[in-house]
Amino acid sequence: MRPATTTHPERRPAASMPNITGLQLLPNGGEASLVNISPTGLLAESAARLLVGSSVKIGFEGGFQPATVAGRVARCEVAAMGRDGLLRYHLAIEFDSVLALDPEVKEAPLPPVSAKVKNRW
């Protein structure tokens, strides 16, 4: 049995990882979106409900290297109910080996503020 995981000081939100545009949970998990990532694991949101302790491979979309990483599901909990009525899950996945993340954190640029913004109230 592995020891309980702790919060990693290098955890980064999805917005700081523009080279990860999506995730594929393999073999049967389907599509997911990144919530945050650290060298030891990630948190993803998905319509797939995976069993805690099960092995999973994560395929990164968008040019992130490595393209796939093996790990295990450390936590699976309901995150929200979508507008379509389907449940969305938060999946915490612990990597089998430590991942080297780019040391430079890139912040996503904020959208420009329109000069024509008007309060309707």
PDB file of N, CA and C in Angstrom:
ATOM      1  N   MET A   1       0.846  -1.180   0.000  1.00  0.00           N
ATOM      2  CA  MET A   1       0.000   0.000   0.000  1.00  0.00           C
ATOM      3  C   MET A   1       0.892   1.245   0.000  1.00  0.00           C
ATOM      4  N   ARG A   2       0.532   2.206  -0.807  1.00  0.00           N
ATOM      5  CA  ARG A   2       1.286   3.459  -0.884  1.00  0.00           C
ATOM      6  C   ARG A   2       0.877   4.390   0.238  1.00  0.00           C
ATOM      7  N   PRO A   3       1.793   5.251   0.695  1.00  0.00           N
ATOM      8  CA  PRO A   3       1.416   6.230   1.716  1.00  0.00           C
ATOM      9  C   PRO A   3       0.463   7.263   1.129  1.00  0.00           C
ATOM     10  N   ALA A   4      -0.295   7.892   1.993  1.00  0.00           N
ATOM     11  CA  ALA A   4      -1.238   8.927   1.550  1.00  0.00           C
ATOM     12  C   ALA A   4      -0.484  10.053   0.865  1.00  0.00           C
ATOM     13  N   THR A   5      -1.066  10.565  -0.209  1.00  0.00           N
ATOM     14  CA  THR A   5      -0.422  11.657  -0.937  1.00  0.00           C
ATOM     15  C   THR A   5      -0.701  12.978  -0.240  1.00  0.00           C
ATOM     16  N   THR A   6       0.210  13.922  -0.401  1.00  0.00           N
ATOM     17  CA  THR A   6       0.041  15.249   0.169  1.00  0.00           C
ATOM     18  C   THR A   6       0.051  16.263  -0.961  1.00  0.00           C
ATOM     19  N   THR A   7      -0.361  17.463  -0.671  1.00  0.00           N
ATOM     20  CA  THR A   7      -0.360  18.522  -1.673  1.00  0.00           C
ATOM     21  C   THR A   7       1.073  18.838  -2.070  1.00  0.00           C
ATOM     22  N   HIS A   8       1.318  18.860  -3.346  1.00  0.00           N
ATOM     23  CA  HIS A   8       2.661  19.141  -3.845  1.00  0.00           C
ATOM     24  C   HIS A   8       2.829  20.644  -4.002  1.00  0.00           C
ATOM     25  N   PRO A   9       3.965  21.185  -3.541  1.00  0.00           N
ATOM     26  CA  PRO A   9       4.145  22.640  -3.615  1.00  0.00           C
ATOM     27  C   PRO A   9       4.213  23.178  -5.039  1.00  0.00           C
ATOM     28  N   GLU A  10       4.443  22.308  -6.023  1.00  0.00           N
ATOM     29  CA  GLU A  10       4.534  22.764  -7.412  1.00  0.00           C
ATOM     30  C   GLU A  10       3.243  22.533  -8.191  1.00  0.00           C
ATOM     31  N   ARG A  11       2.114  22.400  -7.508  1.00  0.00           N
ATOM     32  CA  ARG A  11       0.845  22.191  -8.202  1.00  0.00           C
ATOM     33  C   ARG A  11       0.510  23.423  -9.023  1.00  0.00           C
ATOM     34  N   ARG A  12       0.119  23.187 -10.261  1.00  0.00           N
ATOM     35  CA  ARG A  12      -0.190  24.286 -11.182  1.00  0.00           C
ATOM     36  C   ARG A  12      -1.601  24.151 -11.732  1.00  0.00           C
ATOM     37  N   PRO A  13      -2.323  25.259 -11.836  1.00  0.00           N
ATOM     38  CA  PRO A  13      -3.661  25.204 -12.437  1.00  0.00           C
ATOM     39  C   PRO A  13      -3.566  24.968 -13.944  1.00  0.00           C
ATOM     40  N   ALA A  14      -4.641  24.479 -14.512  1.00  0.00           N
ATOM     41  CA  ALA A  14      -4.673  24.178 -15.947  1.00  0.00           C
ATOM     42  C   ALA A  14      -4.329  25.402 -16.793  1.00  0.00           C
ATOM     43  N   ALA A  15      -4.736  26.594 -16.365  1.00  0.00           N
ATOM     44  CA  ALA A  15      -4.478  27.813 -17.135  1.00  0.00           C
ATOM     45  C   ALA A  15      -2.987  28.094 -17.301  1.00  0.00           C
ATOM     46  N   SER A  16      -2.152  27.554 -16.415  1.00  0.00           N
ATOM     47  CA  SER A  16      -0.712  27.787 -16.526  1.00  0.00           C
ATOM     48  C   SER A  16      -0.023  26.729 -17.375  1.00  0.00           C
ATOM     49  N   MET A  17      -0.800  25.817 -17.968  1.00  0.00           N
ATOM     50  CA  MET A  17      -0.255  24.746 -18.796  1.00  0.00           C
ATOM     51  C   MET A  17      -0.904  24.775 -20.185  1.00  0.00           C
ATOM     52  N   PRO A  18      -0.600  25.804 -20.996  1.00  0.00           N
ATOM     53  CA  PRO A  18      -1.266  25.923 -22.296  1.00  0.00           C
ATOM     54  C   PRO A  18      -0.929  24.792 -23.268  1.00  0.00           C
ATOM     55  N   ASN A  19       0.141  24.032 -22.992  1.00  0.00           N
ATOM     56  CA  ASN A  19       0.490  22.927 -23.880  1.00  0.00           C
ATOM     57  C   ASN A  19      -0.256  21.637 -23.528  1.00  0.00           C
ATOM     58  N   ILE A  20      -1.224  21.706 -22.595  1.00  0.00           N
ATOM     59  CA  ILE A  20      -2.132  20.587 -22.319  1.00  0.00           C
ATOM     60  C   ILE A  20      -3.539  21.082 -22.640  1.00  0.00           C
ATOM     61  N   THR A  21      -4.056  20.683 -23.800  1.00  0.00           N
ATOM     62  CA  THR A  21      -5.372  21.149 -24.235  1.00  0.00           C
ATOM     63  C   THR A  21      -6.479  20.161 -23.905  1.00  0.00           C
ATOM     64  N   GLY A  22      -6.111  18.955 -23.518  1.00  0.00           N
ATOM     65  CA  GLY A  22      -7.099  17.935 -23.165  1.00  0.00           C
ATOM     66  C   GLY A  22      -6.391  16.686 -22.691  1.00  0.00           C
ATOM     67  N   LEU A  23      -7.180  15.766 -22.159  1.00  0.00           N
ATOM     68  CA  LEU A  23      -6.650  14.504 -21.659  1.00  0.00           C
ATOM     69  C   LEU A  23      -7.480  13.358 -22.211  1.00  0.00           C
ATOM     70  N   GLN A  24      -6.839  12.236 -22.420  1.00  0.00           N
ATOM     71  CA  GLN A  24      -7.522  10.984 -22.744  1.00  0.00           C
ATOM     72  C   GLN A  24      -7.177   9.997 -21.644  1.00  0.00           C
ATOM     73  N   LEU A  25      -8.190   9.435 -20.992  1.00  0.00           N
ATOM     74  CA  LEU A  25      -7.974   8.442 -19.957  1.00  0.00           C
ATOM     75  C   LEU A  25      -8.079   7.066 -20.613  1.00  0.00           C
ATOM     76  N   LEU A  26      -6.979   6.340 -20.607  1.00  0.00           N
ATOM     77  CA  LEU A  26      -6.905   5.072 -21.325  1.00  0.00           C
ATOM     78  C   LEU A  26      -6.875   3.905 -20.345  1.00  0.00           C
ATOM     79  N   PRO A  27      -7.452   2.764 -20.602  1.00  0.00           N
ATOM     80  CA  PRO A  27      -8.002   2.390 -21.891  1.00  0.00           C
ATOM     81  C   PRO A  27      -9.454   2.812 -22.098  1.00  0.00           C
ATOM     82  N   ASN A  28     -10.290   2.907 -21.057  1.00  0.00           N
ATOM     83  CA  ASN A  28     -11.725   3.107 -21.280  1.00  0.00           C
ATOM     84  C   ASN A  28     -12.319   4.329 -20.598  1.00  0.00           C
ATOM     85  N   GLY A  29     -11.499   5.278 -20.178  1.00  0.00           N
ATOM     86  CA  GLY A  29     -12.015   6.425 -19.442  1.00  0.00           C
ATOM     87  C   GLY A  29     -12.555   7.539 -20.300  1.00  0.00           C
ATOM     88  N   GLY A  30     -12.089   7.634 -21.535  1.00  0.00           N
ATOM     89  CA  GLY A  30     -12.580   8.685 -22.413  1.00  0.00           C
ATOM     90  C   GLY A  30     -11.892  10.022 -22.197  1.00  0.00           C
ATOM     91  N   GLU A  31     -12.583  11.085 -22.614  1.00  0.00           N
ATOM     92  CA  GLU A  31     -12.028  12.433 -22.553  1.00  0.00           C
ATOM     93  C   GLU A  31     -12.133  13.012 -21.155  1.00  0.00           C
ATOM     94  N   ALA A  32     -11.185  13.905 -20.852  1.00  0.00           N
ATOM     95  CA  ALA A  32     -11.184  14.611 -19.576  1.00  0.00           C
ATOM     96  C   ALA A  32     -10.543  15.970 -19.781  1.00  0.00           C
ATOM     97  N   SER A  33     -10.750  16.865 -18.819  1.00  0.00           N
ATOM     98  CA  SER A  33     -10.085  18.167 -18.870  1.00  0.00           C
ATOM     99  C   SER A  33      -9.226  18.313 -17.615  1.00  0.00           C
ATOM    100  N   LEU A  34      -8.117  18.988 -17.770  1.00  0.00           N
ATOM    101  CA  LEU A  34      -7.178  19.180 -16.673  1.00  0.00           C
ATOM    102  C   LEU A  34      -7.690  20.251 -15.724  1.00  0.00           C
ATOM    103  N   VAL A  35      -7.640  19.975 -14.423  1.00  0.00           N
ATOM    104  CA  VAL A  35      -7.955  20.966 -13.396  1.00  0.00           C
ATOM    105  C   VAL A  35      -6.651  21.541 -12.859  1.00  0.00           C
ATOM    106  N   ASN A  36      -5.735  20.649 -12.450  1.00  0.00           N
ATOM    107  CA  ASN A  36      -4.398  21.068 -12.035  1.00  0.00           C
ATOM    108  C   ASN A  36      -3.440  19.891 -12.157  1.00  0.00           C
ATOM    109  N   ILE A  37      -2.138  20.199 -12.098  1.00  0.00           N
ATOM    110  CA  ILE A  37      -1.111  19.173 -12.280  1.00  0.00           C
ATOM    111  C   ILE A  37       0.093  19.513 -11.411  1.00  0.00           C
ATOM    112  N   SER A  38       0.789  18.471 -10.963  1.00  0.00           N
ATOM    113  CA  SER A  38       2.048  18.620 -10.241  1.00  0.00           C
ATOM    114  C   SER A  38       2.971  17.519 -10.736  1.00  0.00           C
ATOM    115  N   PRO A  39       4.220  17.512 -10.326  1.00  0.00           N
ATOM    116  CA  PRO A  39       5.125  16.442 -10.763  1.00  0.00           C
ATOM    117  C   PRO A  39       4.695  15.046 -10.311  1.00  0.00           C
ATOM    118  N   THR A  40       3.852  14.946  -9.294  1.00  0.00           N
ATOM    119  CA  THR A  40       3.466  13.641  -8.768  1.00  0.00           C
ATOM    120  C   THR A  40       2.057  13.195  -9.149  1.00  0.00           C
ATOM    121  N   GLY A  41       1.259  14.071  -9.763  1.00  0.00           N
ATOM    122  CA  GLY A  41      -0.087  13.678 -10.145  1.00  0.00           C
ATOM    123  C   GLY A  41      -0.894  14.817 -10.723  1.00  0.00           C
ATOM    124  N   LEU A  42      -2.155  14.525 -11.021  1.00  0.00           N
ATOM    125  CA  LEU A  42      -3.030  15.558 -11.583  1.00  0.00           C
ATOM    126  C   LEU A  42      -4.450  15.368 -11.094  1.00  0.00           C
ATOM    127  N   LEU A  43      -5.237  16.415 -11.264  1.00  0.00           N
ATOM    128  CA  LEU A  43      -6.664  16.378 -10.995  1.00  0.00           C
ATOM    129  C   LEU A  43      -7.356  16.673 -12.315  1.00  0.00           C
ATOM    130  N   ALA A  44      -8.248  15.771 -12.719  1.00  0.00           N
ATOM    131  CA  ALA A  44      -8.963  15.919 -13.983  1.00  0.00           C
ATOM    132  C   ALA A  44     -10.459  15.901 -13.721  1.00  0.00           C
ATOM    133  N   GLU A  45     -11.211  16.505 -14.646  1.00  0.00           N
ATOM    134  CA  GLU A  45     -12.667  16.437 -14.600  1.00  0.00           C
ATOM    135  C   GLU A  45     -13.134  15.645 -15.802  1.00  0.00           C
ATOM    136  N   SER A  46     -14.032  14.689 -15.550  1.00  0.00           N
ATOM    137  CA  SER A  46     -14.457  13.788 -16.605  1.00  0.00           C
ATOM    138  C   SER A  46     -15.851  13.259 -16.328  1.00  0.00           C
ATOM    139  N   ALA A  47     -16.505  12.773 -17.379  1.00  0.00           N
ATOM    140  CA  ALA A  47     -17.786  12.095 -17.223  1.00  0.00           C
ATOM    141  C   ALA A  47     -17.568  10.646 -16.804  1.00  0.00           C
ATOM    142  N   ALA A  48     -16.327  10.177 -16.865  1.00  0.00           N
ATOM    143  CA  ALA A  48     -16.008   8.795 -16.505  1.00  0.00           C
ATOM    144  C   ALA A  48     -15.869   8.634 -15.002  1.00  0.00           C
ATOM    145  N   ARG A  49     -16.458   7.590 -14.483  1.00  0.00           N
ATOM    146  CA  ARG A  49     -16.310   7.242 -13.062  1.00  0.00           C
ATOM    147  C   ARG A  49     -15.354   6.054 -13.005  1.00  0.00           C
ATOM    148  N   LEU A  50     -14.156   6.293 -12.487  1.00  0.00           N
ATOM    149  CA  LEU A  50     -13.150   5.237 -12.415  1.00  0.00           C
ATOM    150  C   LEU A  50     -12.997   4.764 -10.978  1.00  0.00           C
ATOM    151  N   LEU A  51     -12.668   3.495 -10.826  1.00  0.00           N
ATOM    152  CA  LEU A  51     -12.508   2.909  -9.499  1.00  0.00           C
ATOM    153  C   LEU A  51     -11.202   3.344  -8.854  1.00  0.00           C
ATOM    154  N   VAL A  52     -11.272   3.711  -7.587  1.00  0.00           N
ATOM    155  CA  VAL A  52     -10.075   4.083  -6.835  1.00  0.00           C
ATOM    156  C   VAL A  52      -9.145   2.873  -6.801  1.00  0.00           C
ATOM    157  N   GLY A  53      -7.861   3.120  -7.065  1.00  0.00           N
ATOM    158  CA  GLY A  53      -6.862   2.065  -7.080  1.00  0.00           C
ATOM    159  C   GLY A  53      -6.623   1.465  -8.450  1.00  0.00           C
ATOM    160  N   SER A  54      -7.484   1.759  -9.412  1.00  0.00           N
ATOM    161  CA  SER A  54      -7.308   1.184 -10.745  1.00  0.00           C
ATOM    162  C   SER A  54      -6.189   1.883 -11.501  1.00  0.00           C
ATOM    163  N   SER A  55      -5.500   1.111 -12.333  1.00  0.00           N
ATOM    164  CA  SER A  55      -4.427   1.653 -13.165  1.00  0.00           C
ATOM    165  C   SER A  55      -5.025   2.390 -14.347  1.00  0.00           C
ATOM    166  N   VAL A  56      -4.358   3.460 -14.744  1.00  0.00           N
ATOM    167  CA  VAL A  56      -4.832   4.267 -15.857  1.00  0.00           C
ATOM    168  C   VAL A  56      -3.633   4.882 -16.563  1.00  0.00           C
ATOM    169  N   LYS A  57      -3.759   5.060 -17.864  1.00  0.00           N
ATOM    170  CA  LYS A  57      -2.764   5.815 -18.628  1.00  0.00           C
ATOM    171  C   LYS A  57      -3.427   7.110 -19.038  1.00  0.00           C
ATOM    172  N   ILE A  58      -2.669   8.195 -18.935  1.00  0.00           N
ATOM    173  CA  ILE A  58      -3.181   9.502 -19.314  1.00  0.00           C
ATOM    174  C   ILE A  58      -2.491   9.921 -20.599  1.00  0.00           C
ATOM    175  N   GLY A  59      -3.273  10.196 -21.623  1.00  0.00           N
ATOM    176  CA  GLY A  59      -2.747  10.723 -22.874  1.00  0.00           C
ATOM    177  C   GLY A  59      -2.943  12.223 -22.884  1.00  0.00           C
ATOM    178  N   PHE A  60      -1.843  12.967 -23.034  1.00  0.00           N
ATOM    179  CA  PHE A  60      -1.911  14.430 -23.044  1.00  0.00           C
ATOM    180  C   PHE A  60      -2.098  14.919 -24.479  1.00  0.00           C
ATOM    181  N   GLU A  61      -3.043  15.823 -24.689  1.00  0.00           N
ATOM    182  CA  GLU A  61      -3.260  16.455 -25.992  1.00  0.00           C
ATOM    183  C   GLU A  61      -2.669  17.854 -25.959  1.00  0.00           C
ATOM    184  N   GLY A  62      -2.146  18.314 -27.076  1.00  0.00           N
ATOM    185  CA  GLY A  62      -1.667  19.678 -27.174  1.00  0.00           C
ATOM    186  C   GLY A  62      -0.163  19.840 -27.197  1.00  0.00           C
ATOM    187  N   GLY A  63       0.588  18.773 -27.276  1.00  0.00           N
ATOM    188  CA  GLY A  63       2.033  18.908 -27.403  1.00  0.00           C
ATOM    189  C   GLY A  63       2.822  18.731 -26.121  1.00  0.00           C
ATOM    190  N   PHE A  64       2.171  18.433 -25.004  1.00  0.00           N
ATOM    191  CA  PHE A  64       2.893  18.215 -23.749  1.00  0.00           C
ATOM    192  C   PHE A  64       3.739  16.953 -23.854  1.00  0.00           C
ATOM    193  N   GLN A  65       4.923  16.982 -23.286  1.00  0.00           N
ATOM    194  CA  GLN A  65       5.795  15.812 -23.271  1.00  0.00           C
ATOM    195  C   GLN A  65       6.072  15.396 -21.846  1.00  0.00           C
ATOM    196  N   PRO A  66       5.963  14.145 -21.515  1.00  0.00           N
ATOM    197  CA  PRO A  66       5.704  12.994 -22.373  1.00  0.00           C
ATOM    198  C   PRO A  66       4.237  12.959 -22.831  1.00  0.00           C
ATOM    199  N   ALA A  67       3.992  12.254 -23.922  1.00  0.00           N
ATOM    200  CA  ALA A  67       2.649  12.200 -24.491  1.00  0.00           C
ATOM    201  C   ALA A  67       1.709  11.348 -23.648  1.00  0.00           C
ATOM    202  N   THR A  68       2.237  10.347 -22.944  1.00  0.00           N
ATOM    203  CA  THR A  68       1.424   9.516 -22.055  1.00  0.00           C
ATOM    204  C   THR A  68       2.170   9.280 -20.747  1.00  0.00           C
ATOM    205  N   VAL A  69       1.402   9.091 -19.679  1.00  0.00           N
ATOM    206  CA  VAL A  69       1.949   8.827 -18.351  1.00  0.00           C
ATOM    207  C   VAL A  69       1.064   7.769 -17.697  1.00  0.00           C
ATOM    208  N   ALA A  70       1.680   6.821 -17.002  1.00  0.00           N
ATOM    209  CA  ALA A  70       0.932   5.799 -16.273  1.00  0.00           C
ATOM    210  C   ALA A  70       0.729   6.247 -14.831  1.00  0.00           C
ATOM    211  N   GLY A  71      -0.381   5.826 -14.252  1.00  0.00           N
ATOM    212  CA  GLY A  71      -0.657   6.172 -12.869  1.00  0.00           C
ATOM    213  C   GLY A  71      -1.781   5.320 -12.319  1.00  0.00           C
ATOM    214  N   ARG A  72      -2.296   5.731 -11.165  1.00  0.00           N
ATOM    215  CA  ARG A  72      -3.433   5.040 -10.558  1.00  0.00           C
ATOM    216  C   ARG A  72      -4.401   6.077 -10.019  1.00  0.00           C
ATOM    217  N   VAL A  73      -5.670   5.703  -9.969  1.00  0.00           N
ATOM    218  CA  VAL A  73      -6.714   6.594  -9.470  1.00  0.00           C
ATOM    219  C   VAL A  73      -6.633   6.629  -7.943  1.00  0.00           C
ATOM    220  N   ALA A  74      -6.335   7.798  -7.395  1.00  0.00           N
ATOM    221  CA  ALA A  74      -6.232   7.967  -5.945  1.00  0.00           C
ATOM    222  C   ALA A  74      -7.561   8.417  -5.340  1.00  0.00           C
ATOM    223  N   ARG A  75      -8.391   9.100  -6.145  1.00  0.00           N
ATOM    224  CA  ARG A  75      -9.675   9.601  -5.647  1.00  0.00           C
ATOM    225  C   ARG A  75     -10.611   9.817  -6.827  1.00  0.00           C
ATOM    226  N   CYS A  76     -11.884   9.543  -6.624  1.00  0.00           N
ATOM    227  CA  CYS A  76     -12.914   9.801  -7.631  1.00  0.00           C
ATOM    228  C   CYS A  76     -14.148  10.269  -6.885  1.00  0.00           C
ATOM    229  N   GLU A  77     -14.570  11.511  -7.157  1.00  0.00           N
ATOM    230  CA  GLU A  77     -15.740  12.052  -6.464  1.00  0.00           C
ATOM    231  C   GLU A  77     -16.556  12.913  -7.415  1.00  0.00           C
ATOM    232  N   VAL A  78     -17.824  13.024  -7.130  1.00  0.00           N
ATOM    233  CA  VAL A  78     -18.712  13.833  -7.956  1.00  0.00           C
ATOM    234  C   VAL A  78     -18.309  15.290  -7.815  1.00  0.00           C
ATOM    235  N   ALA A  79     -18.118  15.960  -8.953  1.00  0.00           N
ATOM    236  CA  ALA A  79     -17.749  17.375  -8.952  1.00  0.00           C
ATOM    237  C   ALA A  79     -18.962  18.261  -9.226  1.00  0.00           C
ATOM    238  N   ALA A  80     -19.805  17.832 -10.165  1.00  0.00           N
ATOM    239  CA  ALA A  80     -20.952  18.648 -10.553  1.00  0.00           C
ATOM    240  C   ALA A  80     -21.899  17.832 -11.419  1.00  0.00           C
ATOM    241  N   MET A  81     -23.071  18.392 -11.632  1.00  0.00           N
ATOM    242  CA  MET A  81     -23.991  17.813 -12.598  1.00  0.00           C
ATOM    243  C   MET A  81     -24.044  18.776 -13.776  1.00  0.00           C
ATOM    244  N   GLY A  82     -23.765  18.273 -14.959  1.00  0.00           N
ATOM    245  CA  GLY A  82     -23.746  19.115 -16.148  1.00  0.00           C
ATOM    246  C   GLY A  82     -25.143  19.539 -16.561  1.00  0.00           C
ATOM    247  N   ARG A  83     -25.213  20.497 -17.454  1.00  0.00           N
ATOM    248  CA  ARG A  83     -26.511  20.973 -17.963  1.00  0.00           C
ATOM    249  C   ARG A  83     -27.264  19.861 -18.677  1.00  0.00           C
ATOM    250  N   ASP A  84     -26.504  18.860 -19.150  1.00  0.00           N
ATOM    251  CA  ASP A  84     -27.109  17.717 -19.830  1.00  0.00           C
ATOM    252  C   ASP A  84     -27.657  16.686 -18.842  1.00  0.00           C
ATOM    253  N   GLY A  85     -27.512  16.937 -17.534  1.00  0.00           N
ATOM    254  CA  GLY A  85     -28.009  16.024 -16.519  1.00  0.00           C
ATOM    255  C   GLY A  85     -27.035  14.926 -16.143  1.00  0.00           C
ATOM    256  N   LEU A  86     -25.869  14.880 -16.792  1.00  0.00           N
ATOM    257  CA  LEU A  86     -24.870  13.858 -16.488  1.00  0.00           C
ATOM    258  C   LEU A  86     -23.924  14.335 -15.400  1.00  0.00           C
ATOM    259  N   LEU A  87     -23.491  13.408 -14.568  1.00  0.00           N
ATOM    260  CA  LEU A  87     -22.545  13.735 -13.516  1.00  0.00           C
ATOM    261  C   LEU A  87     -21.142  13.922 -14.083  1.00  0.00           C
ATOM    262  N   ARG A  88     -20.403  14.846 -13.508  1.00  0.00           N
ATOM    263  CA  ARG A  88     -18.998  15.078 -13.838  1.00  0.00           C
ATOM    264  C   ARG A  88     -18.196  14.727 -12.585  1.00  0.00           C
ATOM    265  N   TYR A  89     -17.087  14.034 -12.778  1.00  0.00           N
ATOM    266  CA  TYR A  89     -16.275  13.559 -11.664  1.00  0.00           C
ATOM    267  C   TYR A  89     -14.919  14.250 -11.639  1.00  0.00           C
ATOM    268  N   HIS A  90     -14.407  14.459 -10.429  1.00  0.00           N
ATOM    269  CA  HIS A  90     -13.021  14.864 -10.245  1.00  0.00           C
ATOM    270  C   HIS A  90     -12.232  13.596  -9.982  1.00  0.00           C
ATOM    271  N   LEU A  91     -11.208  13.374 -10.801  1.00  0.00           N
ATOM    272  CA  LEU A  91     -10.349  12.199 -10.674  1.00  0.00           C
ATOM    273  C   LEU A  91      -8.961  12.665 -10.269  1.00  0.00           C
ATOM    274  N   ALA A  92      -8.505  12.235  -9.101  1.00  0.00           N
ATOM    275  CA  ALA A  92      -7.135  12.506  -8.681  1.00  0.00           C
ATOM    276  C   ALA A  92      -6.317  11.303  -9.110  1.00  0.00           C
ATOM    277  N   ILE A  93      -5.298  11.546  -9.922  1.00  0.00           N
ATOM    278  CA  ILE A  93      -4.473  10.464 -10.445  1.00  0.00           C
ATOM    279  C   ILE A  93      -3.035  10.675  -9.999  1.00  0.00           C
ATOM    280  N   GLU A  94      -2.491   9.668  -9.335  1.00  0.00           N
ATOM    281  CA  GLU A  94      -1.110   9.697  -8.873  1.00  0.00           C
ATOM    282  C   GLU A  94      -0.243   9.011  -9.925  1.00  0.00           C
ATOM    283  N   PHE A  95       0.796   9.709 -10.395  1.00  0.00           N
ATOM    284  CA  PHE A  95       1.685   9.148 -11.410  1.00  0.00           C
ATOM    285  C   PHE A  95       2.551   8.046 -10.814  1.00  0.00           C
ATOM    286  N   ASP A  96       2.925   7.063 -11.652  1.00  0.00           N
ATOM    287  CA  ASP A  96       3.830   5.991 -11.226  1.00  0.00           C
ATOM    288  C   ASP A  96       5.252   6.498 -11.038  1.00  0.00           C
ATOM    289  N   SER A  97       5.604   7.559 -11.760  1.00  0.00           N
ATOM    290  CA  SER A  97       6.932   8.163 -11.613  1.00  0.00           C
ATOM    291  C   SER A  97       6.779   9.678 -11.646  1.00  0.00           C
ATOM    292  N   VAL A  98       7.748  10.372 -11.080  1.00  0.00           N
ATOM    293  CA  VAL A  98       7.697  11.834 -11.000  1.00  0.00           C
ATOM    294  C   VAL A  98       7.888  12.425 -12.389  1.00  0.00           C
ATOM    295  N   LEU A  99       7.065  13.399 -12.712  1.00  0.00           N
ATOM    296  CA  LEU A  99       7.104  14.071 -14.012  1.00  0.00           C
ATOM    297  C   LEU A  99       7.914  15.358 -13.910  1.00  0.00           C
ATOM    298  N   ALA A 100       8.709  15.640 -14.893  1.00  0.00           N
ATOM    299  CA  ALA A 100       9.459  16.902 -14.927  1.00  0.00           C
ATOM    300  C   ALA A 100       8.594  17.940 -15.630  1.00  0.00           C
ATOM    301  N   LEU A 101       8.152  18.940 -14.880  1.00  0.00           N
ATOM    302  CA  LEU A 101       7.372  20.028 -15.470  1.00  0.00           C
ATOM    303  C   LEU A 101       8.304  21.167 -15.838  1.00  0.00           C
ATOM    304  N   ASP A 102       7.922  21.930 -16.847  1.00  0.00           N
ATOM    305  CA  ASP A 102       8.680  23.110 -17.251  1.00  0.00           C
ATOM    306  C   ASP A 102       8.813  24.026 -16.046  1.00  0.00           C
ATOM    307  N   PRO A 103      10.046  24.438 -15.680  1.00  0.00           N
ATOM    308  CA  PRO A 103      10.204  25.279 -14.494  1.00  0.00           C
ATOM    309  C   PRO A 103       9.545  26.645 -14.604  1.00  0.00           C
ATOM    310  N   GLU A 104       9.309  27.104 -15.804  1.00  0.00           N
ATOM    311  CA  GLU A 104       8.694  28.422 -15.997  1.00  0.00           C
ATOM    312  C   GLU A 104       7.185  28.275 -16.088  1.00  0.00           C
ATOM    313  N   VAL A 105       6.475  28.830 -15.139  1.00  0.00           N
ATOM    314  CA  VAL A 105       5.020  28.792 -15.136  1.00  0.00           C
ATOM    315  C   VAL A 105       4.513  29.888 -16.064  1.00  0.00           C
ATOM    316  N   LYS A 106       3.672  29.502 -17.001  1.00  0.00           N
ATOM    317  CA  LYS A 106       3.133  30.463 -17.957  1.00  0.00           C
ATOM    318  C   LYS A 106       1.702  30.790 -17.566  1.00  0.00           C
ATOM    319  N   GLU A 107       1.449  32.042 -17.336  1.00  0.00           N
ATOM    320  CA  GLU A 107       0.101  32.477 -16.996  1.00  0.00           C
ATOM    321  C   GLU A 107      -0.670  32.717 -18.288  1.00  0.00           C
ATOM    322  N   ALA A 108      -1.910  32.294 -18.308  1.00  0.00           N
ATOM    323  CA  ALA A 108      -2.754  32.535 -19.467  1.00  0.00           C
ATOM    324  C   ALA A 108      -3.093  34.023 -19.519  1.00  0.00           C
ATOM    325  N   PRO A 109      -3.008  34.645 -20.707  1.00  0.00           N
ATOM    326  CA  PRO A 109      -3.325  36.068 -20.794  1.00  0.00           C
ATOM    327  C   PRO A 109      -4.817  36.306 -20.551  1.00  0.00           C
ATOM    328  N   LEU A 110      -5.108  37.420 -19.907  1.00  0.00           N
ATOM    329  CA  LEU A 110      -6.502  37.791 -19.681  1.00  0.00           C
ATOM    330  C   LEU A 110      -7.080  38.386 -20.955  1.00  0.00           C
ATOM    331  N   PRO A 111      -8.368  38.135 -21.210  1.00  0.00           N
ATOM    332  CA  PRO A 111      -8.974  38.712 -22.409  1.00  0.00           C
ATOM    333  C   PRO A 111      -9.051  40.230 -22.269  1.00  0.00           C
ATOM    334  N   PRO A 112      -8.972  40.958 -23.384  1.00  0.00           N
ATOM    335  CA  PRO A 112      -9.035  42.416 -23.317  1.00  0.00           C
ATOM    336  C   PRO A 112     -10.411  42.879 -22.830  1.00  0.00           C
ATOM    337  N   VAL A 113     -10.409  43.972 -22.110  1.00  0.00           N
ATOM    338  CA  VAL A 113     -11.655  44.541 -21.605  1.00  0.00           C
ATOM    339  C   VAL A 113     -12.219  45.471 -22.669  1.00  0.00           C
ATOM    340  N   SER A 114     -13.474  45.273 -22.988  1.00  0.00           N
ATOM    341  CA  SER A 114     -14.116  46.089 -24.004  1.00  0.00           C
ATOM    342  C   SER A 114     -14.402  47.485 -23.455  1.00  0.00           C
ATOM    343  N   ALA A 115     -14.171  48.490 -24.261  1.00  0.00           N
ATOM    344  CA  ALA A 115     -14.449  49.874 -23.861  1.00  0.00           C
ATOM    345  C   ALA A 115     -15.945  50.143 -23.872  1.00  0.00           C
ATOM    346  N   LYS A 116     -16.722  49.267 -24.489  1.00  0.00           N
ATOM    347  CA  LYS A 116     -18.164  49.486 -24.627  1.00  0.00           C
ATOM    348  C   LYS A 116     -18.971  48.719 -23.580  1.00  0.00           C
ATOM    349  N   VAL A 117     -18.337  48.308 -22.495  1.00  0.00           N
ATOM    350  CA  VAL A 117     -19.066  47.585 -21.448  1.00  0.00           C
ATOM    351  C   VAL A 117     -20.046  48.537 -20.778  1.00  0.00           C
ATOM    352  N   LYS A 118     -21.280  48.117 -20.651  1.00  0.00           N
ATOM    353  CA  LYS A 118     -22.309  48.954 -20.084  1.00  0.00           C
ATOM    354  C   LYS A 118     -23.073  48.164 -19.032  1.00  0.00           C
ATOM    355  N   ASN A 119     -23.319  48.759 -17.904  1.00  0.00           N
ATOM    356  CA  ASN A 119     -24.100  48.119 -16.884  1.00  0.00           C
ATOM    357  C   ASN A 119     -25.574  48.250 -17.253  1.00  0.00           C
ATOM    358  N   ARG A 120     -26.288  47.119 -17.244  1.00  0.00           N
ATOM    359  CA  ARG A 120     -27.693  47.143 -17.643  1.00  0.00           C
ATOM    360  C   ARG A 120     -28.617  47.498 -16.486  1.00  0.00           C
ATOM    361  N   TRP A 121     -28.112  47.647 -15.307  1.00  0.00           N
ATOM    362  CA  TRP A 121     -28.972  47.903 -14.142  1.00  0.00           C
ATOM    363  C   TRP A 121     -28.921  49.303 -13.698  1.00  0.00           C
TER     364      TRP A 121
END
